[in-house]
Structures are given as structure tokens and as C-alpha cells.
């Protein structure tokens, strides 16, 4: 069964708790020192949470159009284990997987495929995976600035050089593009084993045998991503909310003037079972969150297929719509039943991040309770 407890602001989801704490934002001129030394006017970043990552600009090299291979090209995918997490993005009608093992060392992948120009980004420190449309900016490529804000990756765009974009904000906070917002693209994040099952015709970044060892482990350490680990390698990040473990993954939704931010913790959903689904209001319309414990995945979508409004529930261990009894994957695809082959629209502004990082960027976040 699905959980449809009444909530005041989010329709049929469980009652939500609110944290009132907020971080301060200082308007100042910031002088960065270290390998990227340069004076920058930065009106919206609090200097106390800015940090030099110590690697310098492009010290972590972003990729542009790395080679992708099919799942059958086994020699090129030996570096990825079934339990590893991957970021999935659809470009030009084709699903691509970019493993965390690649993103640990590159953080940004600029893609030009199928007439689209997308930047897929991952910050290993904050566990945040987002994709952005580069076309509105003229196809500009993004690089790793070497700077951090609240322990989160700060990107720079290579056309204006000094325009800096904190990844989780998705807005330029410094430089000529200050105030410009990036258009987000939906991503699905799950285990590699789960992704192969749901997207058997997809492609993945290929790494040949000679280079596989470089990508075979997490350079931040095997314990860095433990949910209870409070260490962000000493980089400043506010701990303003202790309702969840600092590095528990959550599926989050930024707020706006009408709705506060919202986050679904993985541990909370896992307690509901191997499959779970709930409906709530987001962005002026209905949305659902689907959880698949086998694939360690949480994905948000609009409950509409072929122009038809659907309601969802968990029945016999599967996510189904009540109207037709079709079975749906956590990625919003009907895999059995009358609607097989139909797809739900994924919610583009939802993404996964560690709890402490999420709430630092989204103070006042509501989470399910009970």
C-alpha cells in the first residue's frame, strides 16, 4: 500500500516537520588566495563558507565527450561493480550512465550529443548529482574552479572565466554572469546493477583495462560516505539541522515563494519497505516519489501518462497505477501491463545529496516524520 497520510502543505504525504534555522549570506568583495588567487566581487556568497580546495583551477579535470560503450563491451566496464552508484541522464533519446567512480576524479562531464549540450555534475564532498542544459549559455563548457562553497563544488564557465557557479545553487554567484540561473535536466541515480536492469540498451563511460585501476576505488576513502560520518575533510559547512545523519542521502526539492524545500531521506523510505510511493504537491502540480530499495534509488515524477492522471500504490511488492494495474519502475517507466512502454515526466529540479549539504543550501527544509 502507499502512504497517503494527510499533510497541510503537501497534499497526501505524511505530516512534515520544519526547521527554522537559516544560514546567513554576506554581501562582500572576496579575495581568494592560493592556487586560484584573484579578486572577485561576490555579492551572494558568505566568505566564512568559501574555501580553496587546494587543487587549483582545472586541477580536477572536467571531461568533454568521453567515450561511451554498450553494456556488451565488458572489457570497458570492468571498473564498475554492481553496487557502485551511477548517474543516468537521457540525451537525444539515449540513456547514458556516468559512474560515481568517474565523477570522483572529474566532477563535470560536458556532453554534446543528439543536438543537445548538457553538463552532468557530481560533487563527491556533498554527494550531489545534477545535470544542466548548456545551450541557453551558448553551449559553454564548465570546468572545476578548485573552490568550494559550503563544501560544494564551484564550477566556472570557460567563456567568461570568472563566472562562478556553486553546483547545488545552479546560479552564477560571481563574475559577469552573476544572477543567471541554469536550466536543470532530470537525472536518475542508482546502483549500476539496477541501471543495467532498467536500461539494458543504455551506454556507459568506457574505461580500458590499462586505466581501470585508477577508477577502481573512491579516493575520498571507503568510510567517507558513511551516513554518520560528520567529516567534510575540514571544509566549512554549517550543521544547522541534526534531524538526519550528516551524510544520509536524501532526494530533495528546492523551495520557492509558495512552498518550502522538501527532502525524502533514504533511511526513512527504506523503513517503508523495498518499494514505496507517495504523492505530494510540488511546483504547483502533483508529483510522486518512488523508492526502490533493491536499486538504492529514489526518483520524482509527474503522475501523468498519455494525458491521463494516474494514482500509484505498492501492490504485491511492485509500484502500480490503480487505474490500469500497470507496473512501473522507479525510473518512471511502465514495464508491464496495459501502459507498458509509457513514461512519466521526471521532475527536473529534484536531486540526491547528503543531508547536511542539502539543508545547508536549503534551510527550512521539510521532511516526512512518523
Protein backbone atom coordinates (compact mmCIF):
# COMPACT_ATOMS: atom_id res chain seq x y z
CA UNK A 1 0.00 0.00 0.00
CA UNK A 2 1.08 3.59 -0.49
CA UNK A 3 1.30 6.10 2.34
CA UNK A 4 -1.31 8.79 1.91
CA UNK A 5 -1.48 10.47 5.28
CA UNK A 6 -2.92 14.00 5.20
CA UNK A 7 -0.46 16.86 5.22
CA UNK A 8 -1.21 20.55 5.44
CA UNK A 9 1.01 21.82 2.64
CA UNK A 10 1.87 18.78 0.57
CA UNK A 11 -1.45 17.09 -0.14
CA UNK A 12 -1.43 13.42 0.72
CA UNK A 13 2.03 12.98 2.15
CA UNK A 14 2.75 12.42 5.83
CA UNK A 15 2.91 15.37 8.19
CA UNK A 16 6.10 17.33 7.71
CA UNK A 17 8.46 18.91 10.19
CA UNK A 18 10.07 22.28 9.62
CA UNK A 19 13.40 23.58 10.75
CA UNK A 20 13.51 27.32 11.13
CA UNK A 21 17.25 27.78 11.19
CA UNK A 22 18.87 29.56 8.26
CA UNK A 23 22.36 30.35 7.13
CA UNK A 24 23.43 33.94 6.70
CA UNK A 25 24.55 35.38 3.40
CA UNK A 26 27.05 38.19 3.38
CA UNK A 27 27.47 40.74 0.63
CA UNK A 28 31.17 41.34 0.25
CA UNK A 29 34.16 41.52 -2.02
CA UNK A 30 36.07 38.26 -1.67
CA UNK A 31 39.82 38.00 -2.21
CA UNK A 32 40.68 34.37 -2.91
CA UNK A 33 44.19 33.26 -2.04
CA UNK A 34 46.02 30.13 -3.04
CA UNK A 35 46.38 28.46 -6.43
CA UNK A 36 43.43 30.38 -7.92
CA UNK A 37 44.29 33.79 -6.44
CA UNK A 38 42.12 36.51 -7.94
CA UNK A 39 39.98 39.32 -6.66
CA UNK A 40 36.28 38.73 -7.24
CA UNK A 41 33.17 40.71 -6.45
CA UNK A 42 30.86 38.14 -4.96
CA UNK A 43 27.65 39.53 -3.55
CA UNK A 44 25.84 36.36 -2.51
CA UNK A 45 28.44 34.01 -1.04
CA UNK A 46 29.21 34.12 2.67
CA UNK A 47 33.05 34.29 2.90
CA UNK A 48 33.06 32.13 6.03
CA UNK A 49 31.92 29.16 3.96
CA UNK A 50 34.16 29.74 0.94
CA UNK A 51 37.22 27.53 0.74
CA UNK A 52 40.11 26.84 -1.57
CA UNK A 53 40.13 23.14 -2.35
CA UNK A 54 43.90 23.23 -2.80
CA UNK A 55 44.00 21.73 -6.29
CA UNK A 56 43.78 24.89 -8.38
CA UNK A 57 41.60 25.64 -11.35
CA UNK A 58 41.19 22.53 -13.52
CA UNK A 59 43.30 20.59 -11.02
CA UNK A 60 40.33 18.23 -11.14
CA UNK A 61 39.95 17.90 -14.92
CA UNK A 62 36.41 18.05 -16.28
CA UNK A 63 35.70 15.77 -19.22
CA UNK A 64 34.23 16.62 -22.60
CA UNK A 65 32.52 13.85 -24.56
CA UNK A 66 34.27 10.85 -23.02
CA UNK A 67 33.85 7.54 -24.87
CA UNK A 68 30.64 5.63 -24.15
CA UNK A 69 30.30 1.91 -24.72
CA UNK A 70 27.42 -0.54 -24.75
CA UNK A 71 26.86 -2.96 -21.88
CA UNK A 72 28.17 -5.80 -24.07
CA UNK A 73 31.66 -4.27 -24.24
CA UNK A 74 32.63 -5.93 -20.98
CA UNK A 75 36.34 -5.08 -21.02
CA UNK A 76 35.46 -1.38 -20.91
CA UNK A 77 33.11 -1.63 -17.92
CA UNK A 78 35.07 -3.94 -15.62
CA UNK A 79 35.87 -0.99 -13.37
CA UNK A 80 32.20 -0.64 -12.33
CA UNK A 81 30.73 -3.05 -9.79
CA UNK A 82 27.02 -3.76 -9.49
CA UNK A 83 26.79 -1.98 -6.10
CA UNK A 84 28.51 1.19 -7.38
CA UNK A 85 26.31 4.23 -7.89
CA UNK A 86 25.85 5.75 -11.34
CA UNK A 87 24.21 8.91 -12.64
CA UNK A 88 21.82 8.33 -15.50
CA UNK A 89 20.77 11.03 -17.95
CA UNK A 90 18.76 10.86 -21.16
CA UNK A 91 20.18 12.80 -24.11
CA UNK A 92 18.74 12.68 -27.58
CA UNK A 93 16.53 9.74 -26.66
CA UNK A 94 19.50 7.73 -25.42
CA UNK A 95 20.20 6.81 -21.78
CA UNK A 96 23.78 7.30 -20.63
CA UNK A 97 25.35 6.19 -17.34
CA UNK A 98 28.23 8.03 -15.69
CA UNK A 99 29.57 6.13 -12.66
CA UNK A 100 30.50 7.90 -9.45
CA UNK A 101 33.90 6.28 -9.92
CA UNK A 102 34.39 8.53 -12.94
CA UNK A 103 32.97 11.59 -11.20
CA UNK A 104 35.23 11.21 -8.14
CA UNK A 105 38.10 12.22 -10.42
CA UNK A 106 36.40 14.59 -12.87
CA UNK A 107 33.23 16.04 -11.22
CA UNK A 108 31.93 17.52 -14.50
CA UNK A 109 31.22 15.85 -17.84
CA UNK A 110 30.33 18.16 -20.74
CA UNK A 111 28.26 16.24 -23.28
CA UNK A 112 27.40 17.17 -26.88
CA UNK A 113 25.11 14.50 -28.24
CA UNK A 114 21.92 14.28 -30.25
CA UNK A 115 21.87 18.03 -30.80
CA UNK A 116 21.94 18.67 -27.04
CA UNK A 117 24.58 20.22 -24.82
CA UNK A 118 24.42 19.01 -21.24
CA UNK A 119 26.74 19.26 -18.24
CA UNK A 120 26.46 16.32 -15.85
CA UNK A 121 27.97 17.21 -12.48
CA UNK A 122 28.76 15.42 -9.24
CA UNK A 123 30.36 16.76 -6.07
CA UNK A 124 31.95 13.88 -4.11
CA UNK A 125 32.11 16.00 -0.95
CA UNK A 126 28.36 16.74 -0.84
CA UNK A 127 27.08 13.67 -2.72
CA UNK A 128 25.09 15.89 -5.09
CA UNK A 129 24.35 14.87 -8.68
CA UNK A 130 22.80 17.42 -11.07
CA UNK A 131 22.61 17.94 -14.82
CA UNK A 132 22.31 21.31 -16.56
CA UNK A 133 21.39 22.44 -20.06
CA UNK A 134 24.32 24.36 -21.56
CA UNK A 135 22.51 25.50 -24.71
CA UNK A 136 20.95 28.67 -23.22
CA UNK A 137 24.50 29.80 -22.40
CA UNK A 138 25.66 29.23 -25.96
CA UNK A 139 26.97 25.75 -25.25
CA UNK A 140 29.66 26.99 -22.88
CA UNK A 141 31.67 24.25 -21.19
CA UNK A 142 32.07 24.08 -17.43
CA UNK A 143 35.25 23.36 -15.52
CA UNK A 144 36.17 22.75 -11.88
CA UNK A 145 37.24 26.03 -10.27
CA UNK A 146 39.08 24.44 -7.35
CA UNK A 147 36.94 26.48 -4.96
CA UNK A 148 34.19 25.23 -2.67
CA UNK A 149 31.14 26.82 -1.09
CA UNK A 150 29.68 25.02 1.91
CA UNK A 151 31.94 22.12 0.86
CA UNK A 152 30.19 22.02 -2.51
CA UNK A 153 31.79 22.12 -5.96
CA UNK A 154 32.02 25.56 -7.55
CA UNK A 155 32.00 25.36 -11.33
CA UNK A 156 33.31 28.04 -13.65
CA UNK A 157 32.24 28.59 -17.24
CA UNK A 158 35.03 28.79 -19.72
CA UNK A 159 33.56 31.65 -21.75
CA UNK A 160 33.66 34.29 -19.03
CA UNK A 161 36.38 32.66 -16.91
CA UNK A 162 35.48 34.40 -13.64
CA UNK A 163 31.79 33.47 -13.53
CA UNK A 164 31.46 31.01 -10.66
CA UNK A 165 28.52 28.64 -10.21
CA UNK A 166 28.05 26.73 -6.94
CA UNK A 167 26.70 23.41 -8.18
CA UNK A 168 23.82 22.97 -5.73
CA UNK A 169 22.63 26.55 -6.28
CA UNK A 170 22.69 26.31 -10.08
CA UNK A 171 23.09 30.09 -10.20
CA UNK A 172 26.15 32.20 -11.01
CA UNK A 173 27.17 33.92 -7.81
CA UNK A 174 30.25 35.75 -9.05
CA UNK A 175 31.54 37.29 -12.25
CA UNK A 176 29.93 38.64 -15.43
CA UNK A 177 27.06 36.11 -15.34
CA UNK A 178 26.18 36.73 -11.69
CA UNK A 179 22.48 36.05 -11.11
CA UNK A 180 21.97 33.88 -14.19
CA UNK A 181 20.27 30.55 -13.49
CA UNK A 182 20.97 27.22 -15.19
CA UNK A 183 18.15 25.09 -16.57
CA UNK A 184 18.20 21.71 -14.87
CA UNK A 185 17.81 18.36 -16.56
CA UNK A 186 16.42 15.31 -14.76
CA UNK A 187 18.80 12.59 -13.63
CA UNK A 188 18.26 9.17 -12.13
CA UNK A 189 20.83 7.92 -9.67
CA UNK A 190 21.03 4.29 -8.57
CA UNK A 191 23.29 1.25 -8.43
CA UNK A 192 24.97 0.07 -11.60
CA UNK A 193 23.29 -3.30 -11.18
CA UNK A 194 19.89 -1.61 -11.08
CA UNK A 195 20.64 0.67 -14.01
CA UNK A 196 21.59 -2.26 -16.23
CA UNK A 197 18.29 -3.95 -15.45
CA UNK A 198 16.15 -0.86 -16.13
CA UNK A 199 18.14 0.43 -19.13
CA UNK A 200 19.63 -2.62 -20.90
CA UNK A 201 20.17 -0.67 -24.14
CA UNK A 202 21.98 2.21 -22.45
CA UNK A 203 25.63 3.19 -22.72
CA UNK A 204 28.21 3.88 -20.02
CA UNK A 205 31.54 5.70 -19.88
CA UNK A 206 34.12 3.21 -21.06
CA UNK A 207 37.47 2.81 -19.31
CA UNK A 208 40.01 0.45 -20.84
CA UNK A 209 41.92 -2.15 -18.85
CA UNK A 210 45.11 -0.08 -18.72
CA UNK A 211 43.33 2.76 -16.91
CA UNK A 212 40.79 0.74 -14.94
CA UNK A 213 42.83 0.63 -11.72
CA UNK A 214 42.75 4.43 -11.49
CA UNK A 215 38.96 4.33 -11.41
CA UNK A 216 38.57 1.25 -9.22
CA UNK A 217 38.16 2.93 -5.81
CA UNK A 218 36.89 6.02 -4.00
CA UNK A 219 39.87 8.34 -3.43
CA UNK A 220 38.00 10.01 -0.55
CA UNK A 221 38.16 6.78 1.45
CA UNK A 222 35.78 3.89 1.97
CA UNK A 223 34.24 5.48 5.07
CA UNK A 224 33.71 8.99 3.70
CA UNK A 225 30.13 8.31 2.59
CA UNK A 226 29.02 6.53 5.78
CA UNK A 227 25.79 8.31 6.82
CA UNK A 228 27.01 9.05 10.35
CA UNK A 229 30.40 10.39 9.25
CA UNK A 230 30.39 14.15 10.02
CA UNK A 231 33.76 14.83 8.36
CA UNK A 232 33.79 17.03 5.24
CA UNK A 233 37.60 16.94 5.09
CA UNK A 234 37.74 20.10 7.18
CA UNK A 235 35.96 22.28 4.64
CA UNK A 236 33.47 24.66 6.28
CA UNK A 237 29.84 23.62 6.07
CA UNK A 238 27.11 24.63 8.54
CA UNK A 239 25.50 21.95 10.69
CA UNK A 240 22.17 23.69 11.23
CA UNK A 241 19.91 20.66 11.30
CA UNK A 242 20.55 17.34 13.02
CA UNK A 243 17.27 15.57 12.32
CA UNK A 244 19.05 13.18 9.97
CA UNK A 245 22.62 11.79 9.85
CA UNK A 246 25.01 14.24 8.17
CA UNK A 247 25.70 12.10 5.09
CA UNK A 248 22.44 10.28 4.71
CA UNK A 249 21.33 10.59 1.11
CA UNK A 250 18.08 12.43 0.52
CA UNK A 251 16.02 13.15 -2.57
CA UNK A 252 15.41 16.89 -2.32
CA UNK A 253 13.21 19.53 -3.92
CA UNK A 254 14.22 23.22 -3.71
CA UNK A 255 11.52 25.54 -2.43
CA UNK A 256 10.01 28.72 -3.85
CA UNK A 257 7.83 31.57 -2.62
CA UNK A 258 4.87 29.22 -2.21
CA UNK A 259 6.49 26.03 -0.89
CA UNK A 260 9.40 25.36 1.47
CA UNK A 261 12.14 22.94 0.41
CA UNK A 262 11.31 19.26 0.81
CA UNK A 263 13.54 16.21 1.28
CA UNK A 264 12.91 12.46 1.41
CA UNK A 265 15.66 10.67 3.39
CA UNK A 266 16.76 7.30 2.05
CA UNK A 267 16.75 5.72 5.51
CA UNK A 268 13.20 6.91 6.16
CA UNK A 269 12.00 5.46 2.87
CA UNK A 270 13.89 2.23 3.41
CA UNK A 271 11.92 1.69 6.61
CA UNK A 272 8.74 1.68 4.48
CA UNK A 273 9.87 -1.38 2.53
CA UNK A 274 11.65 -2.41 -0.66
CA UNK A 275 9.16 -0.38 -2.71
CA UNK A 276 7.37 2.79 -1.64
CA UNK A 277 5.49 5.60 -3.36
CA UNK A 278 3.85 8.81 -2.15
CA UNK A 279 2.12 11.73 -3.81
CA UNK A 280 2.56 15.38 -2.88
CA UNK A 281 2.26 18.88 -4.35
CA UNK A 282 5.33 20.38 -5.99
CA UNK A 283 5.75 23.39 -8.24
CA UNK A 284 2.03 23.98 -8.48
CA UNK A 285 1.17 20.41 -9.51
CA UNK A 286 1.06 16.84 -8.30
CA UNK A 287 4.23 14.78 -8.09
CA UNK A 288 5.18 11.36 -6.81
CA UNK A 289 8.32 10.00 -5.20
CA UNK A 290 9.14 6.37 -5.95
CA UNK A 291 11.61 4.34 -3.89
CA UNK A 292 13.31 1.10 -4.89
CA UNK A 293 15.45 -0.35 -2.12
CA UNK A 294 16.98 -3.02 -4.36
CA UNK A 295 18.43 -0.34 -6.64
CA UNK A 296 19.02 2.22 -3.84
CA UNK A 297 17.08 4.73 -5.92
CA UNK A 298 14.57 7.50 -5.28
CA UNK A 299 13.08 9.34 -8.26
CA UNK A 300 10.40 12.02 -8.61
CA UNK A 301 7.91 12.21 -11.48
CA UNK A 302 4.60 13.72 -12.54
CA UNK A 303 1.76 11.15 -12.26
CA UNK A 304 0.52 11.58 -15.83
CA UNK A 305 0.92 9.22 -18.80
CA UNK A 306 -0.61 9.72 -22.26
CA UNK A 307 -2.52 12.69 -20.87
CA UNK A 308 -4.12 10.54 -18.19
CA UNK A 309 -3.88 11.33 -14.47
CA UNK A 310 -2.79 8.27 -12.53
CA UNK A 311 -2.66 7.28 -8.88
CA UNK A 312 0.03 4.97 -7.60
CA UNK A 313 0.37 2.33 -4.91
CA UNK A 314 2.59 -0.57 -3.94
CA UNK A 315 0.88 -3.89 -4.56
CA UNK A 316 2.45 -7.34 -4.40
CA UNK A 317 5.87 -5.75 -3.98
CA UNK A 318 5.58 -3.61 -7.14
CA UNK A 319 4.74 0.02 -7.89
CA UNK A 320 1.46 0.05 -9.84
CA UNK A 321 -1.08 2.56 -11.02
CA UNK A 322 -4.55 1.98 -9.65
CA UNK A 323 -6.27 2.83 -12.94
CA UNK A 324 -4.78 0.09 -15.16
CA UNK A 325 -2.69 -2.10 -12.87
CA UNK A 326 0.42 -1.41 -14.95
CA UNK A 327 3.76 -1.96 -13.20
CA UNK A 328 6.21 0.94 -13.09
CA UNK A 329 9.94 1.08 -12.50
CA UNK A 330 11.48 3.56 -10.10
CA UNK A 331 12.66 5.47 -13.19
CA UNK A 332 9.06 6.23 -14.20
CA UNK A 333 8.73 3.66 -16.96
CA UNK A 334 5.82 1.24 -17.32
CA UNK A 335 7.42 -2.20 -17.59
CA UNK A 336 4.30 -4.41 -17.61
CA UNK A 337 0.57 -4.10 -18.09
CA UNK A 338 -1.68 -2.07 -20.42
CA UNK A 339 0.58 1.01 -20.29
CA UNK A 340 3.82 -0.85 -20.94
CA UNK A 341 6.26 1.42 -22.74
CA UNK A 342 4.70 4.63 -21.39
CA UNK A 343 6.84 7.03 -19.39
CA UNK A 344 6.26 9.60 -16.72
CA UNK A 345 7.82 13.06 -16.87
CA UNK A 346 10.66 13.21 -14.36
CA UNK A 347 10.88 16.24 -12.07
CA UNK A 348 13.98 18.09 -13.24
CA UNK A 349 14.73 20.14 -10.14
CA UNK A 350 14.83 17.16 -7.75
CA UNK A 351 18.21 15.64 -6.96
CA UNK A 352 20.09 13.49 -4.46
CA UNK A 353 22.59 14.91 -1.98
CA UNK A 354 23.91 14.30 1.52
CA UNK A 355 21.54 15.65 4.19
CA UNK A 356 23.94 18.15 5.78
CA UNK A 357 24.82 19.65 2.41
CA UNK A 358 21.20 19.68 1.26
CA UNK A 359 19.92 21.58 4.28
CA UNK A 360 22.88 23.98 4.19
CA UNK A 361 21.75 25.09 0.72
CA UNK A 362 18.05 24.70 1.54
CA UNK A 363 17.41 25.89 5.10
CA UNK A 364 13.86 25.41 6.31
CA UNK A 365 13.57 22.03 4.59
CA UNK A 366 10.58 19.90 5.49
CA UNK A 367 10.93 16.13 5.79
CA UNK A 368 8.44 13.32 6.38
CA UNK A 369 8.03 12.27 10.00
CA UNK A 370 6.47 9.28 11.63
